[in-house]
Each structure stands twice: as structure tokens, then as C-alpha cells.
C-alpha atoms as a PDB file:
ATOM      1  CA  MET A   1      22.037  56.906 -49.955  1.00  0.00           C
ATOM      2  CA  ALA A   2      20.950  54.622 -52.804  1.00  0.00           C
ATOM      3  CA  ILE A   3      18.865  51.542 -52.149  1.00  0.00           C
ATOM      4  CA  VAL A   4      20.443  48.258 -53.249  1.00  0.00           C
ATOM      5  CA  MET A   5      17.915  46.538 -55.514  1.00  0.00           C
ATOM      6  CA  LEU A   6      18.310  42.805 -56.034  1.00  0.00           C
ATOM      7  CA  SER A   7      16.283  40.596 -58.330  1.00  0.00           C
ATOM      8  CA  ALA A   8      16.307  36.796 -58.177  1.00  0.00           C
ATOM      9  CA  VAL A   9      14.525  33.672 -59.430  1.00  0.00           C
ATOM     10  CA  THR A  10      14.256  30.235 -57.891  1.00  0.00           C
ATOM     11  CA  ARG A  11      12.530  26.884 -58.172  1.00  0.00           C
ATOM     12  CA  ILE A  12      12.609  26.439 -54.376  1.00  0.00           C
ATOM     13  CA  GLU A  13       9.184  26.267 -52.729  1.00  0.00           C
ATOM     14  CA  ARG A  14       8.151  29.848 -51.937  1.00  0.00           C
ATOM     15  CA  LYS A  15       7.710  29.531 -48.159  1.00  0.00           C
ATOM     16  CA  ALA A  16      11.074  27.793 -47.765  1.00  0.00           C
ATOM     17  CA  ALA A  17      12.830  30.337 -49.988  1.00  0.00           C
ATOM     18  CA  THR A  18      11.266  33.283 -48.161  1.00  0.00           C
ATOM     19  CA  SER A  19      12.212  31.850 -44.752  1.00  0.00           C
ATOM     20  CA  PHE A  20      15.755  31.275 -45.986  1.00  0.00           C
ATOM     21  CA  VAL A  21      16.035  34.930 -47.060  1.00  0.00           C
ATOM     22  CA  PHE A  22      14.688  36.123 -43.683  1.00  0.00           C
ATOM     23  CA  ASP A  23      17.087  33.881 -41.747  1.00  0.00           C
ATOM     24  CA  THR A  24      20.073  34.882 -43.889  1.00  0.00           C
ATOM     25  CA  VAL A  25      19.413  38.611 -43.537  1.00  0.00           C
ATOM     26  CA  ASN A  26      19.135  38.173 -39.752  1.00  0.00           C
ATOM     27  CA  ARG A  27      22.276  36.024 -39.589  1.00  0.00           C
ATOM     28  CA  LEU A  28      24.210  38.737 -41.441  1.00  0.00           C
ATOM     29  CA  GLY A  29      23.193  41.383 -38.903  1.00  0.00           C
ATOM     30  CA  GLY A  30      20.235  42.879 -40.721  1.00  0.00           C
ATOM     31  CA  TRP A  31      16.479  42.871 -40.348  1.00  0.00           C
ATOM     32  CA  ILE A  32      13.345  42.678 -42.479  1.00  0.00           C
ATOM     33  CA  ASP A  33      11.475  45.968 -42.880  1.00  0.00           C
ATOM     34  CA  ASP A  34       8.536  44.875 -45.046  1.00  0.00           C
ATOM     35  CA  VAL A  35       7.285  42.069 -47.291  1.00  0.00           C
ATOM     36  CA  HIS A  36       4.775  42.099 -50.139  1.00  0.00           C
ATOM     37  CA  MET A  37       3.597  38.723 -51.396  1.00  0.00           C
ATOM     38  CA  TYR A  38       2.118  38.724 -54.876  1.00  0.00           C
ATOM     39  CA  SER A  39       0.172  35.485 -54.997  1.00  0.00           C
ATOM     40  CA  ASN A  40       2.521  32.517 -55.277  1.00  0.00           C
ATOM     41  CA  LEU A  41       4.484  34.105 -58.110  1.00  0.00           C
ATOM     42  CA  MET A  42       6.650  36.731 -56.454  1.00  0.00           C
ATOM     43  CA  ASN A  43       7.662  38.297 -53.137  1.00  0.00           C
ATOM     44  CA  THR A  44       9.270  41.666 -52.655  1.00  0.00           C
ATOM     45  CA  ILE A  45      11.288  41.849 -49.440  1.00  0.00           C
ATOM     46  CA  ARG A  46      12.575  45.166 -48.072  1.00  0.00           C
ATOM     47  CA  PHE A  47      15.388  44.887 -45.541  1.00  0.00           C
ATOM     48  CA  THR A  48      18.272  46.731 -43.908  1.00  0.00           C
ATOM     49  CA  LEU A  49      21.731  45.192 -43.809  1.00  0.00           C
ATOM     50  CA  PRO A  50      25.277  46.355 -43.021  1.00  0.00           C
ATOM     51  CA  ALA A  51      26.704  47.571 -46.332  1.00  0.00           C
ATOM     52  CA  GLY A  52      29.604  45.125 -46.175  1.00  0.00           C
ATOM     53  CA  ALA A  53      27.242  42.129 -45.879  1.00  0.00           C
ATOM     54  CA  TYR A  54      25.588  42.430 -49.302  1.00  0.00           C
ATOM     55  CA  ALA A  55      28.213  40.308 -51.054  1.00  0.00           C
ATOM     56  CA  ASP A  56      27.712  37.603 -48.383  1.00  0.00           C
ATOM     57  CA  LEU A  57      23.943  37.799 -48.870  1.00  0.00           C
ATOM     58  CA  VAL A  58      24.229  37.305 -52.621  1.00  0.00           C
ATOM     59  CA  ALA A  59      26.678  34.395 -52.126  1.00  0.00           C
ATOM     60  CA  ALA A  60      24.373  32.705 -49.586  1.00  0.00           C
ATOM     61  CA  LEU A  61      21.348  33.052 -51.874  1.00  0.00           C
ATOM     62  CA  GLU A  62      23.248  31.663 -54.852  1.00  0.00           C
ATOM     63  CA  ALA A  63      24.466  28.713 -52.734  1.00  0.00           C
ATOM     64  CA  GLU A  64      20.805  27.819 -52.077  1.00  0.00           C
ATOM     65  CA  ALA A  65      19.790  27.971 -55.777  1.00  0.00           C
ATOM     66  CA  ILE A  66      18.280  31.445 -55.513  1.00  0.00           C
ATOM     67  CA  LEU A  67      19.827  32.981 -58.617  1.00  0.00           C
ATOM     68  CA  VAL A  68      20.501  36.697 -58.201  1.00  0.00           C
ATOM     69  CA  GLU A  69      21.026  39.080 -61.100  1.00  0.00           C
ATOM     70  CA  PRO A  70      24.311  40.966 -60.705  1.00  0.00           C
ATOM     71  CA  PRO A  71      23.473  43.755 -58.238  1.00  0.00           C
ATOM     72  CA  ALA A  72      24.094  47.375 -59.113  1.00  0.00           C
ATOM     73  CA  GLY A  73      25.269  49.934 -56.593  1.00  0.00           C
ATOM     74  CA  LEU A  74      27.510  47.725 -54.473  1.00  0.00           C
ATOM     75  CA  GLY A  75      30.714  49.398 -55.654  1.00  0.00           C
ATOM     76  CA  ASP A  76      30.151  52.647 -53.786  1.00  0.00           C
ATOM     77  CA  LEU A  77      30.241  51.236 -50.233  1.00  0.00           C
ATOM     78  CA  ARG A  78      32.111  53.871 -48.266  1.00  0.00           C
ATOM     79  CA  ASP A  79      31.571  52.436 -44.785  1.00  0.00           C
ATOM     80  CA  PRO A  80      30.954  48.658 -44.808  1.00  0.00           C
ATOM     81  CA  ALA A  81      29.519  48.834 -41.270  1.00  0.00           C
ATOM     82  CA  ALA A  82      26.916  51.471 -42.209  1.00  0.00           C
ATOM     83  CA  GLU A  83      23.341  50.273 -42.537  1.00  0.00           C
ATOM     84  CA  ARG A  84      22.059  50.144 -46.089  1.00  0.00           C
ATOM     85  CA  MET A  85      18.466  49.559 -47.187  1.00  0.00           C
ATOM     86  CA  GLY A  86      17.828  46.973 -49.876  1.00  0.00           C
ATOM     87  CA  THR A  87      15.060  45.183 -51.699  1.00  0.00           C
ATOM     88  CA  LEU A  88      14.898  41.687 -53.123  1.00  0.00           C
ATOM     89  CA  GLN A  89      12.327  40.850 -55.785  1.00  0.00           C
ATOM     90  CA  LEU A  90      12.079  37.065 -55.632  1.00  0.00           C
ATOM     91  CA  THR A  91      10.241  35.334 -58.497  1.00  0.00           C
ATOM     92  CA  PHE A  92       9.181  31.697 -58.118  1.00  0.00           C
ATOM     93  CA  ILE A  93       9.298  29.323 -61.072  1.00  0.00           C
ATOM     94  CA  HIS A  94       6.808  26.441 -60.709  1.00  0.00           C
ATOM     95  CA  ASP A  95       3.889  24.669 -62.311  1.00  0.00           C
ATOM     96  CA  GLU A  96       1.352  25.580 -59.629  1.00  0.00           C
ATOM     97  CA  PRO A  97      -1.707  27.589 -60.638  1.00  0.00           C
ATOM     98  CA  ASP A  98      -1.883  31.194 -59.526  1.00  0.00           C
ATOM     99  CA  LEU A  99      -3.353  31.562 -56.029  1.00  0.00           C
ATOM    100  CA  LYS A 100      -6.666  33.325 -56.298  1.00  0.00           C
ATOM    101  CA  ARG A 101      -8.595  34.464 -53.289  1.00  0.00           C
ATOM    102  CA  GLU A 102     -12.275  35.175 -53.502  1.00  0.00           C
ATOM    103  CA  VAL A 103     -13.026  38.707 -52.399  1.00  0.00           C
ATOM    104  CA  PRO A 104     -16.520  39.051 -50.997  1.00  0.00           C
ATOM    105  CA  SER A 105     -18.605  41.887 -52.384  1.00  0.00           C
ATOM    106  CA  VAL A 106     -19.150  44.838 -50.082  1.00  0.00           C
ATOM    107  CA  PRO A 107     -22.806  45.661 -49.494  1.00  0.00           C
ATOM    108  CA  GLY A 108     -23.969  49.121 -50.369  1.00  0.00           C
END
């Protein structure tokens, strides 16, 4: 089973956009498996969703100004009720400086 890989950009504030994605995946009958936050520039969200709900996910994201590149691999949905793993790489466009966290040195 192929993973559906989505890529999107938005100008929405990152916490609001990420919460919207979480809520939308849950509303469509899926769940969040993992999240990686790369500073304030990008999040990668791994989730599981019924195969037939991917078109609704893309439509909901686009309606909220989260612009999704045309997804590949949606045409081979044999069973729309089957669970299908996906990822969303969400890039944030803003004028904020990169978040940098000071990492303390480890003694020894």
C-alpha cells in the first residue's frame, strides 16, 4: 500500500494551521500518527485516514487557504473505507525570524 504524500504552503499562523489539520483529519474519521516540527518554517504530519476521505481533506485545506499541490496516488483507491497512511508537509510563509533554541553544552 502506497503512502499518500501531500505538500502544502500557507500564510496562516503555524499553530492555527496545524490545529486545523489535526481537527480536519479527526473530523474525517482519521487520526494523527506523528508530527515533526522544523522550527517555525515547516511541519510534517503523518496520519491515517479512510482512503475515500483524502479528496475531502484536500478540499477542506484549500478552503482554509492551505494550498495543496495536486496529490499523487489518489487514483488507485480500491476500497474507499480502507485506512490509508498519509503525510502532509506543511510549509509556512511569513516574515518571522527562524526560531532558534539554545542547546546547552553537555559536560564531559
